[in-house]
Amino acid sequence: MLCMEQEALAQEEFLYCCGAATQLLKFGSLDCWPKGGSCNSSKVLFLIIPGNPGIVCYYQPFMKILYKLLNQRYPVWAISHAGHCVPPEDMEMIEDIEREDIFGLNGQIEHKLTFLRQNVPKDIKLVLIGHSIGCHMILEVMKREPKLQVLKAVLLFPTIERMAESPQESVKASLVRWALQGLQSLDEATVSASLNLFNVDCAANGMYMGSQEMIQVVQRDDSTIGRYLDKLIFYYGHNDHWCPIEYYEDMKRSFPDGTIHLCQRGIRHAFVLDANVEMAQMLIDWLCTDLAKL
């Protein structure tokens, strides 16, 4: 209870990952567990992989609520997409690019894999939380690195198929909408996040990745989904132009034993702008049984 009474403070870091500027937002650290604890199985990291734009400050209110609901027992982190956040003045957007096309979709997936390999010890279990295109990235991460200790992967408003066919607005219009809606927020973190979209490099990197999403995210990866079905939780929007309800219905038909939810609360795709409490509470409800077993 003492932990709940303490104010949860975010720690912000900038680092180079694959040679690209990357922002890391943290509630809690990996050394928060008492030394000489019972076993490694209780070490769990919640890691958020964002949508596009991949600006972690948009997720700060959600992360803070989730961290508190977890009684600050497990760290909650979010990693930006490469080049989507304005770095500090003493840091360039790119250092020595270590991977070809780092700002493209495949480069961003490898960016997340590199971060995990370099920054998260192998004995730590992961709860991966993906939003929008971040869900596609999580499936690819699990596919490419099967030795990761993934406890659960929660895929929120998953854009994992037929993106060019969905009745969405253009990538450019979507980024503009994010920026304008974020600036109207009363939350300081959300306003700060939106300012990144007025940076030419950040906006260009977001649009470039978005253009590749339209081309590359076509066929749902049923092989990977089937392989990890017991670890996956899907949450589809009821009126989501990026992944319409037909995609939810197709998923339910293909995987009748999967944990696949359809929103009944009117939460929009950009849930971080106004539905952080509801979403964080749902995550706790979904994960409480798995966490209780640790």
C-alpha atoms as a PDB file:
ATOM      1  CA  MET A   1       0.000   0.000   0.000  1.00  0.00           C
ATOM      2  CA  LEU A   2       2.936   2.320   0.628  1.00  0.00           C
ATOM      3  CA  CYS A   3       3.883   1.891  -3.037  1.00  0.00           C
ATOM      4  CA  MET A   4       0.450   3.096  -4.124  1.00  0.00           C
ATOM      5  CA  GLU A   5       0.783   6.248  -2.029  1.00  0.00           C
ATOM      6  CA  GLN A   6       3.983   7.306  -3.753  1.00  0.00           C
ATOM      7  CA  GLU A   7       3.694   9.456  -6.851  1.00  0.00           C
ATOM      8  CA  ALA A   8       4.541   7.529 -10.008  1.00  0.00           C
ATOM      9  CA  LEU A   9       7.118   9.564 -11.912  1.00  0.00           C
ATOM     10  CA  ALA A  10       8.139   9.011 -15.512  1.00  0.00           C
ATOM     11  CA  GLN A  11      11.791   8.770 -16.438  1.00  0.00           C
ATOM     12  CA  GLU A  12      12.676   9.900 -19.951  1.00  0.00           C
ATOM     13  CA  GLU A  13      15.782   8.750 -21.794  1.00  0.00           C
ATOM     14  CA  PHE A  14      17.177   9.300 -25.264  1.00  0.00           C
ATOM     15  CA  LEU A  15      19.562   6.773 -26.756  1.00  0.00           C
ATOM     16  CA  TYR A  16      20.841   5.596 -30.097  1.00  0.00           C
ATOM     17  CA  CYS A  17      19.421   2.265 -31.199  1.00  0.00           C
ATOM     18  CA  CYS A  18      20.551   0.962 -34.592  1.00  0.00           C
ATOM     19  CA  GLY A  19      22.161   4.374 -34.958  1.00  0.00           C
ATOM     20  CA  ALA A  20      18.860   6.290 -34.777  1.00  0.00           C
ATOM     21  CA  ALA A  21      17.610   8.613 -32.050  1.00  0.00           C
ATOM     22  CA  THR A  22      15.157   6.756 -29.832  1.00  0.00           C
ATOM     23  CA  GLN A  23      13.107   7.944 -26.891  1.00  0.00           C
ATOM     24  CA  LEU A  24      12.455   5.617 -23.979  1.00  0.00           C
ATOM     25  CA  LEU A  25       9.800   6.412 -21.384  1.00  0.00           C
ATOM     26  CA  LYS A  26       9.923   4.477 -18.124  1.00  0.00           C
ATOM     27  CA  PHE A  27       7.786   3.998 -15.073  1.00  0.00           C
ATOM     28  CA  GLY A  28       9.950   1.813 -12.861  1.00  0.00           C
ATOM     29  CA  SER A  29      13.301   0.187 -13.563  1.00  0.00           C
ATOM     30  CA  LEU A  30      14.673  -3.299 -14.101  1.00  0.00           C
ATOM     31  CA  ASP A  31      16.459  -3.201 -10.743  1.00  0.00           C
ATOM     32  CA  CYS A  32      13.237  -2.620  -8.802  1.00  0.00           C
ATOM     33  CA  TRP A  33      13.035  -6.211  -7.592  1.00  0.00           C
ATOM     34  CA  PRO A  34      14.547  -6.961  -4.177  1.00  0.00           C
ATOM     35  CA  LYS A  35      17.906  -8.697  -4.270  1.00  0.00           C
ATOM     36  CA  GLY A  36      17.720 -12.299  -3.256  1.00  0.00           C
ATOM     37  CA  GLY A  37      14.100 -12.540  -4.378  1.00  0.00           C
ATOM     38  CA  SER A  38      12.344 -15.862  -4.571  1.00  0.00           C
ATOM     39  CA  CYS A  39      12.888 -16.526  -8.294  1.00  0.00           C
ATOM     40  CA  ASN A  40      13.308 -14.907 -11.669  1.00  0.00           C
ATOM     41  CA  SER A  41       9.789 -15.817 -12.702  1.00  0.00           C
ATOM     42  CA  SER A  42       8.444 -12.733 -10.873  1.00  0.00           C
ATOM     43  CA  LYS A  43      10.505 -10.367 -13.032  1.00  0.00           C
ATOM     44  CA  VAL A  44       8.161  -8.936 -15.629  1.00  0.00           C
ATOM     45  CA  LEU A  45       8.538  -5.913 -17.901  1.00  0.00           C
ATOM     46  CA  PHE A  46       5.555  -4.296 -19.595  1.00  0.00           C
ATOM     47  CA  LEU A  47       6.778  -2.845 -22.889  1.00  0.00           C
ATOM     48  CA  ILE A  48       4.604  -0.683 -25.153  1.00  0.00           C
ATOM     49  CA  ILE A  49       5.282  -0.537 -28.876  1.00  0.00           C
ATOM     50  CA  PRO A  50       3.309   2.416 -30.239  1.00  0.00           C
ATOM     51  CA  GLY A  51       1.359   3.042 -33.391  1.00  0.00           C
ATOM     52  CA  ASN A  52       2.233   5.663 -35.983  1.00  0.00           C
ATOM     53  CA  PRO A  53       3.235   8.284 -34.951  1.00  0.00           C
ATOM     54  CA  GLY A  54       5.502   6.367 -32.609  1.00  0.00           C
ATOM     55  CA  ILE A  55       5.769   9.129 -30.015  1.00  0.00           C
ATOM     56  CA  VAL A  56       5.938   7.682 -26.511  1.00  0.00           C
ATOM     57  CA  CYS A  57       4.738  10.776 -24.638  1.00  0.00           C
ATOM     58  CA  TYR A  58       1.256  10.143 -26.051  1.00  0.00           C
ATOM     59  CA  TYR A  59       1.236   6.990 -23.925  1.00  0.00           C
ATOM     60  CA  GLN A  60       2.473   8.575 -20.703  1.00  0.00           C
ATOM     61  CA  PRO A  61      -0.959   9.035 -19.037  1.00  0.00           C
ATOM     62  CA  PHE A  62      -1.910   5.448 -19.941  1.00  0.00           C
ATOM     63  CA  MET A  63       1.414   4.135 -18.632  1.00  0.00           C
ATOM     64  CA  LYS A  64       1.084   6.009 -15.361  1.00  0.00           C
ATOM     65  CA  ILE A  65      -2.382   4.603 -14.710  1.00  0.00           C
ATOM     66  CA  LEU A  66      -1.307   1.082 -15.645  1.00  0.00           C
ATOM     67  CA  TYR A  67       1.763   1.307 -13.412  1.00  0.00           C
ATOM     68  CA  LYS A  68      -0.369   2.389 -10.462  1.00  0.00           C
ATOM     69  CA  LEU A  69      -2.928  -0.355 -11.075  1.00  0.00           C
ATOM     70  CA  LEU A  70      -0.017  -2.813 -10.977  1.00  0.00           C
ATOM     71  CA  ASN A  71       0.832  -1.398  -7.527  1.00  0.00           C
ATOM     72  CA  GLN A  72       4.109  -0.235  -9.075  1.00  0.00           C
ATOM     73  CA  ARG A  73       5.269  -3.840  -8.845  1.00  0.00           C
ATOM     74  CA  TYR A  74       6.290  -4.182 -12.494  1.00  0.00           C
ATOM     75  CA  PRO A  75       8.051  -1.576 -14.641  1.00  0.00           C
ATOM     76  CA  VAL A  76       6.090  -0.146 -17.569  1.00  0.00           C
ATOM     77  CA  TRP A  77       8.162   1.145 -20.480  1.00  0.00           C
ATOM     78  CA  ALA A  78       7.471   2.509 -23.945  1.00  0.00           C
ATOM     79  CA  ILE A  79       9.958   2.740 -26.800  1.00  0.00           C
ATOM     80  CA  SER A  80       9.520   5.217 -29.622  1.00  0.00           C
ATOM     81  CA  HIS A  81       9.946   4.395 -33.254  1.00  0.00           C
ATOM     82  CA  ALA A  82      13.322   5.385 -34.650  1.00  0.00           C
ATOM     83  CA  GLY A  83      13.320   9.038 -35.656  1.00  0.00           C
ATOM     84  CA  HIS A  84       9.762   9.825 -34.510  1.00  0.00           C
ATOM     85  CA  CYS A  85      10.743  12.016 -31.530  1.00  0.00           C
ATOM     86  CA  VAL A  86      12.773  15.221 -31.493  1.00  0.00           C
ATOM     87  CA  PRO A  87      16.083  14.440 -29.749  1.00  0.00           C
ATOM     88  CA  PRO A  88      17.774  16.812 -27.287  1.00  0.00           C
ATOM     89  CA  GLU A  89      19.855  19.650 -28.697  1.00  0.00           C
ATOM     90  CA  ASP A  90      23.112  17.798 -28.070  1.00  0.00           C
ATOM     91  CA  MET A  91      21.937  14.744 -30.020  1.00  0.00           C
ATOM     92  CA  GLU A  92      21.507  14.265 -33.759  1.00  0.00           C
ATOM     93  CA  MET A  93      18.588  12.387 -35.302  1.00  0.00           C
ATOM     94  CA  ILE A  94      21.012   9.799 -36.660  1.00  0.00           C
ATOM     95  CA  GLU A  95      24.469   8.742 -35.544  1.00  0.00           C
ATOM     96  CA  ASP A  96      26.016   5.954 -37.585  1.00  0.00           C
ATOM     97  CA  ILE A  97      23.164   4.108 -39.241  1.00  0.00           C
ATOM     98  CA  GLU A  98      23.721   0.447 -38.472  1.00  0.00           C
ATOM     99  CA  ARG A  99      20.807  -0.920 -40.461  1.00  0.00           C
ATOM    100  CA  GLU A 100      19.582  -0.145 -43.953  1.00  0.00           C
ATOM    101  CA  ASP A 101      16.255   1.696 -44.148  1.00  0.00           C
ATOM    102  CA  ILE A 102      15.973   2.089 -40.379  1.00  0.00           C
ATOM    103  CA  PHE A 103      12.994   4.456 -40.730  1.00  0.00           C
ATOM    104  CA  GLY A 104      11.059   1.969 -42.866  1.00  0.00           C
ATOM    105  CA  LEU A 105       8.686  -0.634 -41.456  1.00  0.00           C
ATOM    106  CA  ASN A 106      11.138  -3.537 -41.468  1.00  0.00           C
ATOM    107  CA  GLY A 107      13.877  -1.316 -40.056  1.00  0.00           C
ATOM    108  CA  GLN A 108      11.574  -0.311 -37.195  1.00  0.00           C
ATOM    109  CA  ILE A 109      10.900  -3.981 -36.386  1.00  0.00           C
ATOM    110  CA  GLU A 110      14.624  -4.724 -36.276  1.00  0.00           C
ATOM    111  CA  HIS A 111      15.016  -1.574 -34.161  1.00  0.00           C
ATOM    112  CA  LYS A 112      12.731  -3.108 -31.500  1.00  0.00           C
ATOM    113  CA  LEU A 113      14.524  -6.452 -31.632  1.00  0.00           C
ATOM    114  CA  THR A 114      17.888  -4.726 -31.189  1.00  0.00           C
ATOM    115  CA  PHE A 115      16.575  -2.757 -28.227  1.00  0.00           C
ATOM    116  CA  LEU A 116      15.339  -5.914 -26.512  1.00  0.00           C
ATOM    117  CA  ARG A 117      18.593  -7.765 -27.116  1.00  0.00           C
ATOM    118  CA  GLN A 118      20.728  -4.907 -25.817  1.00  0.00           C
ATOM    119  CA  ASN A 119      18.620  -3.596 -22.932  1.00  0.00           C
ATOM    120  CA  VAL A 120      16.443  -6.359 -21.487  1.00  0.00           C
ATOM    121  CA  PRO A 121      18.057  -9.339 -19.705  1.00  0.00           C
ATOM    122  CA  LYS A 122      16.991 -12.731 -21.011  1.00  0.00           C
ATOM    123  CA  ASP A 123      15.577 -13.838 -17.647  1.00  0.00           C
ATOM    124  CA  ILE A 124      12.875 -11.151 -17.678  1.00  0.00           C
ATOM    125  CA  LYS A 125       9.401 -12.068 -18.838  1.00  0.00           C
ATOM    126  CA  LEU A 126       7.663  -9.641 -21.176  1.00  0.00           C
ATOM    127  CA  VAL A 127       4.151  -8.331 -21.448  1.00  0.00           C
ATOM    128  CA  LEU A 128       4.192  -6.692 -24.866  1.00  0.00           C
ATOM    129  CA  ILE A 129       1.502  -4.095 -25.530  1.00  0.00           C
ATOM    130  CA  GLY A 130       1.069  -3.078 -29.136  1.00  0.00           C
ATOM    131  CA  HIS A 131      -1.099  -0.314 -30.521  1.00  0.00           C
ATOM    132  CA  SER A 132      -2.123  -0.150 -34.181  1.00  0.00           C
ATOM    133  CA  ILE A 133       0.956  -0.890 -36.334  1.00  0.00           C
ATOM    134  CA  GLY A 134       2.787  -1.730 -33.112  1.00  0.00           C
ATOM    135  CA  CYS A 135       0.714  -4.945 -33.108  1.00  0.00           C
ATOM    136  CA  HIS A 136       2.192  -5.956 -36.460  1.00  0.00           C
ATOM    137  CA  MET A 137       5.643  -5.238 -35.069  1.00  0.00           C
ATOM    138  CA  ILE A 138       5.012  -7.421 -32.016  1.00  0.00           C
ATOM    139  CA  LEU A 139       3.946 -10.378 -34.141  1.00  0.00           C
ATOM    140  CA  GLU A 140       7.093  -9.948 -36.210  1.00  0.00           C
ATOM    141  CA  VAL A 141       9.267  -9.649 -33.093  1.00  0.00           C
ATOM    142  CA  MET A 142       7.824 -12.886 -31.705  1.00  0.00           C
ATOM    143  CA  LYS A 143       8.274 -14.599 -35.053  1.00  0.00           C
ATOM    144  CA  ARG A 144      11.886 -13.484 -35.508  1.00  0.00           C
ATOM    145  CA  GLU A 145      12.987 -14.020 -31.899  1.00  0.00           C
ATOM    146  CA  PRO A 146      11.091 -17.082 -30.617  1.00  0.00           C
ATOM    147  CA  LYS A 147      13.325 -17.364 -27.537  1.00  0.00           C
ATOM    148  CA  LEU A 148      11.879 -14.191 -26.036  1.00  0.00           C
ATOM    149  CA  GLN A 149      10.061 -14.912 -22.764  1.00  0.00           C
ATOM    150  CA  VAL A 150       6.727 -13.400 -23.746  1.00  0.00           C
ATOM    151  CA  LEU A 151       4.149 -13.882 -21.002  1.00  0.00           C
ATOM    152  CA  LYS A 152       1.395 -12.146 -22.981  1.00  0.00           C
ATOM    153  CA  ALA A 153       1.104  -9.867 -25.995  1.00  0.00           C
ATOM    154  CA  VAL A 154      -1.831  -7.466 -25.936  1.00  0.00           C
ATOM    155  CA  LEU A 155      -2.720  -6.144 -29.385  1.00  0.00           C
ATOM    156  CA  LEU A 156      -4.885  -3.021 -29.228  1.00  0.00           C
ATOM    157  CA  PHE A 157      -6.709  -1.897 -32.365  1.00  0.00           C
ATOM    158  CA  PRO A 158      -4.421  -4.157 -34.421  1.00  0.00           C
ATOM    159  CA  THR A 159      -3.509  -3.088 -37.939  1.00  0.00           C
ATOM    160  CA  ILE A 160      -2.105  -6.458 -38.993  1.00  0.00           C
ATOM    161  CA  GLU A 161      -3.745  -6.979 -42.392  1.00  0.00           C
ATOM    162  CA  ARG A 162      -5.181  -5.317 -45.503  1.00  0.00           C
ATOM    163  CA  MET A 163      -4.245  -1.811 -44.464  1.00  0.00           C
ATOM    164  CA  ALA A 164      -4.579  -0.374 -47.956  1.00  0.00           C
ATOM    165  CA  GLU A 165      -8.096  -1.853 -48.206  1.00  0.00           C
ATOM    166  CA  SER A 166      -9.428  -0.416 -44.952  1.00  0.00           C
ATOM    167  CA  PRO A 167     -11.465   2.805 -45.309  1.00  0.00           C
ATOM    168  CA  GLN A 168      -8.914   4.951 -43.478  1.00  0.00           C
ATOM    169  CA  GLU A 169      -7.840   8.506 -44.155  1.00  0.00           C
ATOM    170  CA  SER A 170      -4.407   9.183 -45.641  1.00  0.00           C
ATOM    171  CA  VAL A 171      -1.303   8.809 -43.497  1.00  0.00           C
ATOM    172  CA  LYS A 172      -0.620  12.542 -43.779  1.00  0.00           C
ATOM    173  CA  ALA A 173      -4.167  13.435 -42.725  1.00  0.00           C
ATOM    174  CA  SER A 174      -3.943  10.986 -39.835  1.00  0.00           C
ATOM    175  CA  LEU A 175      -0.760  12.601 -38.505  1.00  0.00           C
ATOM    176  CA  VAL A 176      -2.308  16.062 -38.784  1.00  0.00           C
ATOM    177  CA  ARG A 177      -5.368  14.857 -36.873  1.00  0.00           C
ATOM    178  CA  TRP A 178      -3.148  13.422 -34.120  1.00  0.00           C
ATOM    179  CA  ALA A 179      -1.293  16.722 -33.818  1.00  0.00           C
ATOM    180  CA  LEU A 180      -4.390  18.923 -33.660  1.00  0.00           C
ATOM    181  CA  GLN A 181      -6.289  16.686 -31.250  1.00  0.00           C
ATOM    182  CA  GLY A 182      -3.235  16.339 -29.039  1.00  0.00           C
ATOM    183  CA  LEU A 183      -2.766  20.101 -28.813  1.00  0.00           C
ATOM    184  CA  GLN A 184      -6.341  20.416 -27.565  1.00  0.00           C
ATOM    185  CA  SER A 185      -5.622  18.089 -24.659  1.00  0.00           C
ATOM    186  CA  LEU A 186      -5.349  19.358 -21.103  1.00  0.00           C
ATOM    187  CA  ASP A 187      -2.603  16.827 -20.457  1.00  0.00           C
ATOM    188  CA  GLU A 188       0.895  18.299 -20.666  1.00  0.00           C
ATOM    189  CA  ALA A 189       2.460  15.056 -21.933  1.00  0.00           C
ATOM    190  CA  THR A 190      -0.031  14.821 -24.801  1.00  0.00           C
ATOM    191  CA  VAL A 191       0.580  18.419 -25.858  1.00  0.00           C
ATOM    192  CA  SER A 192       4.340  17.812 -25.692  1.00  0.00           C
ATOM    193  CA  ALA A 193       3.963  14.696 -27.828  1.00  0.00           C
ATOM    194  CA  SER A 194       2.057  16.573 -30.523  1.00  0.00           C
ATOM    195  CA  LEU A 195       4.830  19.134 -30.869  1.00  0.00           C
ATOM    196  CA  ASN A 196       7.056  16.398 -32.323  1.00  0.00           C
ATOM    197  CA  LEU A 197       4.752  16.263 -35.343  1.00  0.00           C
ATOM    198  CA  PHE A 198       5.667  19.845 -36.227  1.00  0.00           C
ATOM    199  CA  ASN A 199       9.272  18.780 -36.682  1.00  0.00           C
ATOM    200  CA  VAL A 200       9.986  18.185 -40.370  1.00  0.00           C
ATOM    201  CA  ASP A 201      12.188  15.128 -39.821  1.00  0.00           C
ATOM    202  CA  CYS A 202       9.801  13.434 -37.397  1.00  0.00           C
ATOM    203  CA  ALA A 203       6.789  14.051 -39.630  1.00  0.00           C
ATOM    204  CA  ALA A 204       8.666  12.811 -42.694  1.00  0.00           C
ATOM    205  CA  ASN A 205       9.781   9.640 -40.902  1.00  0.00           C
ATOM    206  CA  GLY A 206       6.214   8.950 -39.774  1.00  0.00           C
ATOM    207  CA  MET A 207       4.810   9.435 -43.270  1.00  0.00           C
ATOM    208  CA  TYR A 208       7.541   7.312 -44.813  1.00  0.00           C
ATOM    209  CA  MET A 209       6.848   4.425 -42.453  1.00  0.00           C
ATOM    210  CA  GLY A 210       3.130   4.855 -43.035  1.00  0.00           C
ATOM    211  CA  SER A 211       3.559   4.596 -46.802  1.00  0.00           C
ATOM    212  CA  GLN A 212       5.335   1.274 -46.328  1.00  0.00           C
ATOM    213  CA  GLU A 213       2.591   0.021 -44.027  1.00  0.00           C
ATOM    214  CA  MET A 214       0.087   0.411 -46.850  1.00  0.00           C
ATOM    215  CA  ILE A 215       2.224  -1.719 -49.155  1.00  0.00           C
ATOM    216  CA  GLN A 216       3.636  -4.328 -46.789  1.00  0.00           C
ATOM    217  CA  VAL A 217       0.846  -5.024 -44.283  1.00  0.00           C
ATOM    218  CA  VAL A 218      -1.441  -7.044 -46.540  1.00  0.00           C
ATOM    219  CA  GLN A 219      -1.917 -10.648 -45.499  1.00  0.00           C
ATOM    220  CA  ARG A 220      -2.562 -11.555 -41.873  1.00  0.00           C
ATOM    221  CA  ASP A 221       0.206 -13.774 -40.497  1.00  0.00           C
ATOM    222  CA  ASP A 222      -1.987 -16.712 -39.456  1.00  0.00           C
ATOM    223  CA  SER A 223       1.032 -18.961 -38.968  1.00  0.00           C
ATOM    224  CA  THR A 224       2.538 -16.755 -36.256  1.00  0.00           C
ATOM    225  CA  ILE A 225      -0.859 -16.053 -34.704  1.00  0.00           C
ATOM    226  CA  GLY A 226      -1.637 -19.762 -34.538  1.00  0.00           C
ATOM    227  CA  ARG A 227       1.750 -20.571 -33.046  1.00  0.00           C
ATOM    228  CA  TYR A 228       1.373 -18.057 -30.214  1.00  0.00           C
ATOM    229  CA  LEU A 229      -2.421 -17.950 -29.903  1.00  0.00           C
ATOM    230  CA  ASP A 230      -2.423 -18.744 -26.174  1.00  0.00           C
ATOM    231  CA  LYS A 231      -0.168 -15.731 -25.549  1.00  0.00           C
ATOM    232  CA  LEU A 232      -2.160 -13.237 -27.632  1.00  0.00           C
ATOM    233  CA  ILE A 233      -5.017 -10.925 -26.640  1.00  0.00           C
ATOM    234  CA  PHE A 234      -6.691  -8.953 -29.436  1.00  0.00           C
ATOM    235  CA  TYR A 235      -8.878  -5.887 -28.923  1.00  0.00           C
ATOM    236  CA  TYR A 236     -10.704  -4.501 -31.971  1.00  0.00           C
ATOM    237  CA  GLY A 237     -12.579  -1.235 -32.199  1.00  0.00           C
ATOM    238  CA  HIS A 238     -16.277  -1.245 -33.020  1.00  0.00           C
ATOM    239  CA  ASN A 239     -15.975   1.699 -35.401  1.00  0.00           C
ATOM    240  CA  ASP A 240     -12.309   1.676 -36.396  1.00  0.00           C
ATOM    241  CA  HIS A 241     -11.508   2.790 -39.926  1.00  0.00           C
ATOM    242  CA  TRP A 242      -8.003   1.305 -39.716  1.00  0.00           C
ATOM    243  CA  CYS A 243      -9.178  -2.198 -38.822  1.00  0.00           C
ATOM    244  CA  PRO A 244     -12.927  -2.423 -39.477  1.00  0.00           C
ATOM    245  CA  ILE A 245     -15.278  -4.823 -37.762  1.00  0.00           C
ATOM    246  CA  GLU A 246     -15.081  -7.285 -40.680  1.00  0.00           C
ATOM    247  CA  TYR A 247     -11.449  -7.917 -39.721  1.00  0.00           C
ATOM    248  CA  TYR A 248     -12.564  -8.802 -36.189  1.00  0.00           C
ATOM    249  CA  GLU A 249     -15.223 -11.159 -37.536  1.00  0.00           C
ATOM    250  CA  ASP A 250     -12.708 -12.841 -39.855  1.00  0.00           C
ATOM    251  CA  MET A 251     -10.298 -13.274 -36.955  1.00  0.00           C
ATOM    252  CA  LYS A 252     -12.978 -14.861 -34.769  1.00  0.00           C
ATOM    253  CA  ARG A 253     -13.876 -17.307 -37.531  1.00  0.00           C
ATOM    254  CA  SER A 254     -10.250 -18.240 -38.142  1.00  0.00           C
ATOM    255  CA  PHE A 255      -9.327 -18.544 -34.449  1.00  0.00           C
ATOM    256  CA  PRO A 256     -12.472 -19.456 -32.463  1.00  0.00           C
ATOM    257  CA  ASP A 257     -10.367 -20.418 -29.431  1.00  0.00           C
ATOM    258  CA  GLY A 258      -8.437 -17.162 -29.368  1.00  0.00           C
ATOM    259  CA  THR A 259      -8.870 -14.293 -26.902  1.00  0.00           C
ATOM    260  CA  ILE A 260     -10.345 -11.797 -29.324  1.00  0.00           C
ATOM    261  CA  HIS A 261     -12.428  -8.899 -28.008  1.00  0.00           C
ATOM    262  CA  LEU A 262     -14.618  -6.343 -29.753  1.00  0.00           C
ATOM    263  CA  CYS A 263     -14.920  -2.964 -28.050  1.00  0.00           C
ATOM    264  CA  GLN A 264     -18.373  -2.280 -26.587  1.00  0.00           C
ATOM    265  CA  ARG A 265     -17.418   1.013 -24.931  1.00  0.00           C
ATOM    266  CA  GLY A 266     -17.091   3.339 -27.910  1.00  0.00           C
ATOM    267  CA  ILE A 267     -13.329   3.694 -27.498  1.00  0.00           C
ATOM    268  CA  ARG A 268     -11.671   5.115 -30.594  1.00  0.00           C
ATOM    269  CA  HIS A 269      -8.503   3.945 -32.308  1.00  0.00           C
ATOM    270  CA  ALA A 270      -6.445   6.761 -30.732  1.00  0.00           C
ATOM    271  CA  PHE A 271      -7.440   5.633 -27.231  1.00  0.00           C
ATOM    272  CA  VAL A 272      -4.501   7.457 -25.608  1.00  0.00           C
ATOM    273  CA  LEU A 273      -6.242  10.783 -26.191  1.00  0.00           C
ATOM    274  CA  ASP A 274      -9.272  10.105 -23.998  1.00  0.00           C
ATOM    275  CA  ALA A 275      -9.677   6.498 -22.766  1.00  0.00           C
ATOM    276  CA  ASN A 276      -6.556   5.711 -20.763  1.00  0.00           C
ATOM    277  CA  VAL A 277      -8.332   4.694 -17.558  1.00  0.00           C
ATOM    278  CA  GLU A 278     -10.724   2.297 -19.293  1.00  0.00           C
ATOM    279  CA  MET A 279      -7.965   0.684 -21.336  1.00  0.00           C
ATOM    280  CA  ALA A 280      -5.579   0.273 -18.422  1.00  0.00           C
ATOM    281  CA  GLN A 281      -8.280  -1.322 -16.290  1.00  0.00           C
ATOM    282  CA  MET A 282      -9.182  -3.769 -19.058  1.00  0.00           C
ATOM    283  CA  LEU A 283      -5.544  -4.804 -19.372  1.00  0.00           C
ATOM    284  CA  ILE A 284      -5.385  -5.548 -15.661  1.00  0.00           C
ATOM    285  CA  ASP A 285      -8.571  -7.624 -15.899  1.00  0.00           C
ATOM    286  CA  TRP A 286      -7.155  -9.627 -18.818  1.00  0.00           C
ATOM    287  CA  LEU A 287      -3.767 -10.202 -17.211  1.00  0.00           C
ATOM    288  CA  CYS A 288      -4.602 -10.674 -13.535  1.00  0.00           C
ATOM    289  CA  THR A 289      -4.758 -14.493 -13.745  1.00  0.00           C
ATOM    290  CA  ASP A 290      -1.378 -14.781 -15.487  1.00  0.00           C
ATOM    291  CA  LEU A 291       0.262 -12.343 -13.081  1.00  0.00           C
ATOM    292  CA  ALA A 292      -1.203 -14.159 -10.067  1.00  0.00           C
ATOM    293  CA  LYS A 293       0.534 -17.354 -11.158  1.00  0.00           C
ATOM    294  CA  LEU A 294       4.010 -15.782 -11.010  1.00  0.00           C
END
